[in-house]
Amino acid sequence: MLEIGTKAPDFTLPDQDGEMRSLSDYRGQKVVLYFYPKDMTAGCTKQACAFGELYPQFREKGAVVLGVSKDSVASHKKFEEKYGLPFTLLSDTEKEVIQAYDVWKEKKNYGKVSMGVVRTTYLIDEDGVIVKAFGKVKAADNPAQMLGELS
């Protein structure tokens, strides 16, 4: 996980509509940058829907929410449409940003070891500096936790 107080690595990735988005596009706003394993899975859906429900409150506090996974733009579009997600999903199929933010890790699932995205959320301030970092977050609780961090 990246250190609090360090500059968040900038990136440019396609969103669910295929438009290129950079972290620097959001300078002057707080950014909740969350990494999740896979569209349409139980935990990721719970997390995304909770961020969606709380999104107006994030906006009131001057923050945007960006979700990142290694799923394709098409997968993100289906995910957004199925659940009515009001925030940006970014596609990192090459895992460049996932690796830059140190969330590609060895995971154990039922005794099987594999590499994957560890559910991680960063809070980045208006100047692009990481002010909070949470690893191995609980999908259902993370959105409310992050909203609390903005207070």
Protein backbone atom coordinates (compact mmCIF):
# COMPACT_ATOMS: atom_id res chain seq x y z
CA MET A 1 0.00 0.00 0.00
CA LEU A 2 1.22 3.51 -0.72
CA GLU A 3 2.27 5.77 2.13
CA ILE A 4 0.09 8.53 3.52
CA GLY A 5 1.60 11.91 2.66
CA THR A 6 2.99 10.80 -0.70
CA LYS A 7 1.88 12.20 -4.04
CA ALA A 8 -0.69 9.90 -5.63
CA PRO A 9 0.66 8.48 -8.90
CA ASP A 10 -1.11 10.15 -11.83
CA PHE A 11 -2.71 7.93 -14.44
CA THR A 12 -4.87 7.99 -17.52
CA LEU A 13 -7.42 5.19 -18.00
CA PRO A 14 -10.64 4.72 -20.01
CA ASP A 15 -13.92 5.02 -18.11
CA GLN A 16 -17.07 2.96 -18.67
CA ASP A 17 -17.90 5.12 -21.72
CA GLY A 18 -14.41 4.72 -23.23
CA GLU A 19 -13.43 8.32 -22.39
CA MET A 20 -9.91 8.82 -21.09
CA ARG A 21 -9.72 10.09 -17.51
CA SER A 22 -6.66 11.23 -15.57
CA LEU A 23 -6.27 11.66 -11.84
CA SER A 24 -5.02 15.19 -12.55
CA ASP A 25 -8.48 15.99 -14.06
CA TYR A 26 -9.76 16.01 -10.48
CA ARG A 27 -7.25 18.48 -8.97
CA GLY A 28 -9.05 20.79 -6.59
CA GLN A 29 -11.43 18.01 -5.48
CA LYS A 30 -11.03 15.20 -3.00
CA VAL A 31 -10.87 11.80 -4.68
CA VAL A 32 -11.99 8.51 -3.18
CA LEU A 33 -10.04 6.03 -5.31
CA TYR A 34 -11.09 2.47 -4.69
CA PHE A 35 -9.70 -0.70 -6.21
CA TYR A 36 -11.88 -3.79 -6.42
CA PRO A 37 -11.42 -7.29 -7.85
CA LYS A 38 -14.26 -7.82 -10.33
CA ASP A 39 -17.49 -6.37 -11.74
CA MET A 40 -20.74 -8.21 -10.96
CA THR A 41 -19.39 -10.24 -8.02
CA ALA A 42 -21.19 -10.19 -4.68
CA GLY A 43 -18.73 -8.11 -2.64
CA CYS A 44 -17.88 -5.70 -5.45
CA THR A 45 -21.56 -5.14 -6.21
CA LYS A 46 -22.31 -4.41 -2.53
CA GLN A 47 -19.43 -1.93 -2.40
CA ALA A 48 -20.32 -0.20 -5.68
CA CYS A 49 -24.03 0.08 -4.83
CA ALA A 50 -23.22 1.54 -1.39
CA PHE A 51 -20.90 4.11 -2.99
CA GLY A 52 -23.73 4.85 -5.44
CA GLU A 53 -26.29 5.38 -2.67
CA LEU A 54 -23.95 7.72 -0.78
CA TYR A 55 -22.64 9.50 -3.89
CA PRO A 56 -24.73 12.69 -3.39
CA GLN A 57 -23.20 13.04 0.10
CA PHE A 58 -19.69 12.55 -1.31
CA ARG A 59 -20.40 15.32 -3.85
CA GLU A 60 -21.70 17.61 -1.07
CA LYS A 61 -18.35 17.16 0.67
CA GLY A 62 -16.47 18.06 -2.51
CA ALA A 63 -15.36 14.53 -3.33
CA VAL A 64 -15.60 12.30 -6.38
CA VAL A 65 -15.55 8.50 -6.33
CA LEU A 66 -13.47 6.54 -8.84
CA GLY A 67 -13.61 2.74 -8.96
CA VAL A 68 -10.76 0.81 -10.61
CA SER A 69 -10.56 -2.84 -11.64
CA LYS A 70 -8.90 -4.83 -14.39
CA ASP A 71 -12.26 -5.44 -16.08
CA SER A 72 -12.87 -4.15 -19.60
CA VAL A 73 -14.68 -0.94 -20.54
CA ALA A 74 -17.60 -3.10 -21.79
CA SER A 75 -17.80 -4.95 -18.47
CA HIS A 76 -17.79 -1.64 -16.57
CA LYS A 77 -20.57 -0.30 -18.82
CA LYS A 78 -22.77 -3.35 -18.06
CA PHE A 79 -22.00 -3.02 -14.34
CA GLU A 80 -22.86 0.70 -14.35
CA GLU A 81 -26.10 0.18 -16.27
CA LYS A 82 -27.29 -2.85 -14.28
CA TYR A 83 -26.90 -1.07 -10.93
CA GLY A 84 -27.36 2.58 -11.97
CA LEU A 85 -23.94 3.60 -10.68
CA PRO A 86 -23.54 7.40 -10.70
CA PHE A 87 -19.74 7.52 -10.50
CA THR A 88 -16.79 6.74 -12.76
CA LEU A 89 -15.43 3.23 -13.22
CA LEU A 90 -11.95 2.97 -14.72
CA SER A 91 -10.63 0.03 -16.73
CA ASP A 92 -7.03 -1.00 -16.01
CA THR A 93 -6.72 -4.14 -18.16
CA GLU A 94 -2.91 -3.83 -18.22
CA LYS A 95 -2.82 -3.53 -14.39
CA GLU A 96 -0.44 -0.54 -14.63
CA VAL A 97 -2.37 1.62 -12.15
CA ILE A 98 -3.26 -1.38 -9.99
CA GLN A 99 0.46 -2.10 -9.66
CA ALA A 100 1.41 1.59 -9.22
CA TYR A 101 -0.96 1.76 -6.23
CA ASP A 102 0.44 -1.52 -4.85
CA VAL A 103 -2.86 -3.43 -4.76
CA TRP A 104 -1.87 -6.43 -6.95
CA LYS A 105 -1.00 -9.05 -4.35
CA GLU A 106 -0.86 -12.73 -3.60
CA LYS A 107 -4.23 -13.86 -2.26
CA LYS A 108 -5.30 -17.10 -0.61
CA ASN A 109 -8.78 -18.40 -1.24
CA TYR A 110 -9.78 -21.79 0.17
CA GLY A 111 -6.11 -22.76 0.35
CA LYS A 112 -5.45 -21.81 -3.27
CA VAL A 113 -2.86 -19.08 -3.85
CA SER A 114 -3.28 -16.67 -6.76
CA MET A 115 -2.53 -13.07 -7.70
CA GLY A 116 -5.32 -10.53 -7.61
CA VAL A 117 -6.54 -7.10 -6.60
CA VAL A 118 -6.72 -6.60 -2.84
CA ARG A 119 -9.73 -4.38 -2.10
CA THR A 120 -8.07 -1.07 -1.18
CA THR A 121 -9.32 2.51 -0.89
CA TYR A 122 -7.30 5.73 -0.97
CA LEU A 123 -8.44 9.22 -0.07
CA ILE A 124 -6.55 11.79 -2.12
CA ASP A 125 -6.72 15.49 -1.25
CA GLU A 126 -7.25 18.47 -3.57
CA ASP A 127 -3.49 18.68 -4.25
CA GLY A 128 -3.14 15.03 -5.25
CA VAL A 129 -1.63 13.81 -1.97
CA ILE A 130 -2.72 10.55 -0.33
CA VAL A 131 -4.22 11.47 3.05
CA LYS A 132 -5.81 8.11 3.98
CA ALA A 133 -5.20 4.54 2.85
CA PHE A 134 -7.18 1.44 3.79
CA GLY A 135 -6.23 -2.07 2.71
CA LYS A 136 -8.30 -5.26 2.81
CA VAL A 137 -11.45 -3.20 3.37
CA LYS A 138 -14.85 -4.76 4.00
CA ALA A 139 -16.87 -4.20 0.83
CA ALA A 140 -20.19 -3.36 2.49
CA ASP A 141 -18.70 -1.02 5.14
CA ASN A 142 -16.09 0.83 3.08
CA PRO A 143 -18.31 3.52 1.46
CA ALA A 144 -19.76 4.73 4.80
CA GLN A 145 -16.28 4.57 6.34
CA MET A 146 -14.88 6.77 3.53
CA LEU A 147 -17.75 9.24 3.83
CA GLY A 148 -16.90 9.53 7.55
CA GLU A 149 -13.28 10.26 6.67
CA LEU A 150 -14.42 13.33 4.73
CA SER A 151 -16.16 14.93 7.71
